[in-house]
């Protein structure tokens, strides 16, 4: 529900989505503008790239053990 990154903590769900009314949930689904969506995509990409680099480093540093 909350993302905490350089973007800042904010709720990504609308209170209407907690409602049992299907129509309200469908309308609330598309409330996010393009700018926050782009910021979130960029932040997620940075997290993924950082994790990938870390995994590569661990594999390189432990190659001998992995091969055994």
N, C-alpha and C. Protein backbone atom coordinates (compact mmCIF):
# COMPACT_ATOMS: atom_id res chain seq x y z
N UNK A 1 0.82 -1.20 0.00
CA UNK A 1 0.00 0.00 0.00
C UNK A 1 0.86 1.26 0.00
N UNK A 2 1.99 1.24 0.69
CA UNK A 2 2.84 2.42 0.74
C UNK A 2 4.19 2.10 0.13
N UNK A 3 4.67 2.99 -0.72
CA UNK A 3 6.00 2.85 -1.29
C UNK A 3 6.93 3.80 -0.56
N UNK A 4 8.10 3.32 -0.17
CA UNK A 4 9.04 4.18 0.53
C UNK A 4 10.36 4.16 -0.23
N UNK A 5 10.64 5.24 -0.92
CA UNK A 5 11.85 5.37 -1.70
C UNK A 5 12.17 6.86 -1.80
N UNK A 6 13.02 7.22 -2.78
CA UNK A 6 13.31 8.63 -2.99
C UNK A 6 12.05 9.39 -3.38
N UNK A 7 11.08 8.68 -3.92
CA UNK A 7 9.82 9.31 -4.32
C UNK A 7 9.08 9.81 -3.09
N UNK A 8 9.22 9.08 -1.99
CA UNK A 8 8.55 9.44 -0.75
C UNK A 8 7.44 8.46 -0.43
N UNK A 9 7.01 8.46 0.81
CA UNK A 9 5.92 7.54 1.19
C UNK A 9 4.57 8.11 0.76
N UNK A 10 3.84 7.33 -0.01
CA UNK A 10 2.48 7.72 -0.35
C UNK A 10 1.63 6.50 -0.62
N UNK A 11 0.35 6.65 -0.32
CA UNK A 11 -0.57 5.54 -0.54
C UNK A 11 -0.87 5.45 -2.02
N UNK A 12 -0.73 4.25 -2.56
CA UNK A 12 -0.97 4.04 -3.99
C UNK A 12 -2.37 3.51 -4.25
N UNK A 13 -3.14 3.38 -3.22
CA UNK A 13 -4.52 2.91 -3.39
C UNK A 13 -5.47 3.99 -2.90
N UNK A 14 -6.58 4.06 -3.54
CA UNK A 14 -7.63 5.00 -3.17
C UNK A 14 -8.53 4.33 -2.14
N UNK A 15 -9.00 5.07 -1.14
CA UNK A 15 -9.92 4.47 -0.17
C UNK A 15 -11.13 3.82 -0.83
N UNK A 16 -11.52 4.31 -2.02
CA UNK A 16 -12.67 3.74 -2.71
C UNK A 16 -12.41 2.29 -3.13
N UNK A 17 -11.12 1.94 -3.30
CA UNK A 17 -10.81 0.57 -3.70
C UNK A 17 -11.07 -0.41 -2.55
N UNK A 18 -11.17 0.11 -1.35
CA UNK A 18 -11.46 -0.74 -0.20
C UNK A 18 -12.96 -1.03 -0.11
N UNK A 19 -13.74 -0.30 -0.89
CA UNK A 19 -15.18 -0.44 -0.90
C UNK A 19 -15.58 -1.72 -1.63
N UNK A 20 -16.68 -2.29 -1.28
CA UNK A 20 -17.16 -3.50 -1.94
C UNK A 20 -17.87 -3.20 -3.26
N UNK A 21 -18.08 -1.93 -3.56
CA UNK A 21 -18.76 -1.55 -4.78
C UNK A 21 -17.82 -1.71 -5.97
N UNK A 22 -18.16 -2.60 -6.89
CA UNK A 22 -17.31 -2.92 -8.04
C UNK A 22 -17.09 -1.69 -8.92
N UNK A 23 -18.12 -0.89 -9.13
CA UNK A 23 -18.02 0.29 -9.99
C UNK A 23 -17.03 1.28 -9.39
N UNK A 24 -17.09 1.53 -8.10
CA UNK A 24 -16.16 2.47 -7.46
C UNK A 24 -14.73 1.96 -7.56
N UNK A 25 -14.52 0.67 -7.39
CA UNK A 25 -13.17 0.12 -7.51
C UNK A 25 -12.64 0.27 -8.92
N UNK A 26 -13.48 0.05 -9.93
CA UNK A 26 -13.04 0.18 -11.31
C UNK A 26 -12.68 1.64 -11.64
N UNK A 27 -13.47 2.58 -11.14
CA UNK A 27 -13.19 4.00 -11.38
C UNK A 27 -11.93 4.45 -10.66
N UNK A 28 -11.69 3.95 -9.48
CA UNK A 28 -10.54 4.35 -8.67
C UNK A 28 -9.25 3.75 -9.19
N UNK A 29 -9.32 2.73 -9.99
CA UNK A 29 -8.13 2.02 -10.46
C UNK A 29 -7.20 2.93 -11.25
N UNK A 30 -7.74 3.90 -11.99
CA UNK A 30 -6.93 4.72 -12.89
C UNK A 30 -6.78 6.16 -12.40
N UNK A 31 -6.56 6.36 -11.11
CA UNK A 31 -6.45 7.72 -10.59
C UNK A 31 -5.03 8.27 -10.64
N UNK A 32 -4.02 7.44 -10.88
CA UNK A 32 -2.64 7.90 -10.85
C UNK A 32 -2.28 8.57 -12.18
N UNK A 33 -1.63 9.73 -12.09
CA UNK A 33 -1.22 10.42 -13.30
C UNK A 33 0.04 9.79 -13.87
N UNK A 34 0.44 10.23 -15.06
CA UNK A 34 1.60 9.66 -15.74
C UNK A 34 2.91 9.94 -15.00
N UNK A 35 3.07 11.13 -14.42
CA UNK A 35 4.33 11.49 -13.76
C UNK A 35 4.64 10.57 -12.58
N UNK A 36 3.73 10.36 -11.63
CA UNK A 36 4.03 9.43 -10.54
C UNK A 36 4.29 8.01 -11.05
N UNK A 37 3.56 7.60 -12.07
CA UNK A 37 3.76 6.26 -12.62
C UNK A 37 5.18 6.14 -13.21
N UNK A 38 5.64 7.17 -13.91
CA UNK A 38 7.00 7.17 -14.46
C UNK A 38 8.04 7.15 -13.34
N UNK A 39 7.80 7.95 -12.29
CA UNK A 39 8.73 7.98 -11.15
C UNK A 39 8.82 6.62 -10.48
N UNK A 40 7.68 5.96 -10.33
CA UNK A 40 7.66 4.63 -9.72
C UNK A 40 8.40 3.63 -10.61
N UNK A 41 8.15 3.68 -11.91
CA UNK A 41 8.84 2.77 -12.83
C UNK A 41 10.35 2.96 -12.76
N UNK A 42 10.81 4.21 -12.73
CA UNK A 42 12.24 4.50 -12.65
C UNK A 42 12.82 3.97 -11.34
N UNK A 43 12.12 4.20 -10.25
CA UNK A 43 12.59 3.73 -8.94
C UNK A 43 12.69 2.21 -8.90
N UNK A 44 11.69 1.53 -9.44
CA UNK A 44 11.70 0.06 -9.47
C UNK A 44 12.86 -0.43 -10.33
N UNK A 45 13.09 0.22 -11.48
CA UNK A 45 14.21 -0.16 -12.36
C UNK A 45 15.54 -0.02 -11.62
N UNK A 46 15.71 1.06 -10.86
CA UNK A 46 16.95 1.27 -10.11
C UNK A 46 17.15 0.18 -9.06
N UNK A 47 16.09 -0.20 -8.38
CA UNK A 47 16.17 -1.27 -7.38
C UNK A 47 16.57 -2.57 -8.05
N UNK A 48 15.95 -2.89 -9.17
CA UNK A 48 16.24 -4.13 -9.89
C UNK A 48 17.68 -4.15 -10.39
N UNK A 49 18.14 -3.04 -10.98
CA UNK A 49 19.50 -2.99 -11.49
C UNK A 49 20.53 -3.13 -10.37
N UNK A 50 20.26 -2.49 -9.25
CA UNK A 50 21.16 -2.59 -8.10
C UNK A 50 21.22 -4.02 -7.57
N UNK A 51 20.07 -4.67 -7.47
CA UNK A 51 20.03 -6.05 -6.99
C UNK A 51 20.75 -6.98 -7.97
N UNK A 52 20.59 -6.74 -9.25
CA UNK A 52 21.24 -7.56 -10.28
C UNK A 52 22.76 -7.42 -10.19
N UNK A 53 23.24 -6.19 -10.06
CA UNK A 53 24.68 -5.96 -9.91
C UNK A 53 25.23 -6.66 -8.68
N UNK A 54 24.48 -6.60 -7.57
CA UNK A 54 24.90 -7.26 -6.34
C UNK A 54 24.97 -8.78 -6.54
N UNK A 55 23.98 -9.34 -7.21
CA UNK A 55 23.96 -10.78 -7.47
C UNK A 55 25.14 -11.18 -8.35
N UNK A 56 25.42 -10.40 -9.40
CA UNK A 56 26.58 -10.68 -10.26
C UNK A 56 27.87 -10.66 -9.46
N UNK A 57 28.01 -9.69 -8.59
CA UNK A 57 29.22 -9.56 -7.75
C UNK A 57 29.39 -10.80 -6.88
N UNK A 58 28.30 -11.26 -6.26
CA UNK A 58 28.38 -12.44 -5.40
C UNK A 58 28.76 -13.68 -6.20
N UNK A 59 28.21 -13.80 -7.40
CA UNK A 59 28.55 -14.95 -8.25
C UNK A 59 30.02 -14.91 -8.64
N UNK A 60 30.49 -13.74 -9.07
CA UNK A 60 31.91 -13.60 -9.44
C UNK A 60 32.83 -13.92 -8.27
N UNK A 61 32.51 -13.39 -7.09
CA UNK A 61 33.36 -13.57 -5.91
C UNK A 61 33.32 -15.00 -5.35
N UNK A 62 32.29 -15.75 -5.69
CA UNK A 62 32.13 -17.09 -5.14
C UNK A 62 32.07 -18.15 -6.25
N UNK A 63 32.64 -17.84 -7.38
CA UNK A 63 32.57 -18.74 -8.54
C UNK A 63 33.14 -20.12 -8.22
N UNK A 64 34.25 -20.16 -7.52
CA UNK A 64 34.87 -21.45 -7.20
C UNK A 64 33.95 -22.31 -6.36
N UNK A 65 33.35 -21.74 -5.35
CA UNK A 65 32.43 -22.49 -4.51
C UNK A 65 31.18 -22.94 -5.29
N UNK A 66 30.71 -22.11 -6.18
CA UNK A 66 29.55 -22.44 -6.98
C UNK A 66 29.86 -23.64 -7.88
N UNK A 67 31.06 -23.63 -8.49
CA UNK A 67 31.44 -24.72 -9.39
C UNK A 67 31.59 -26.05 -8.67
N UNK A 68 31.98 -25.99 -7.38
CA UNK A 68 32.13 -27.24 -6.61
C UNK A 68 30.75 -27.82 -6.36
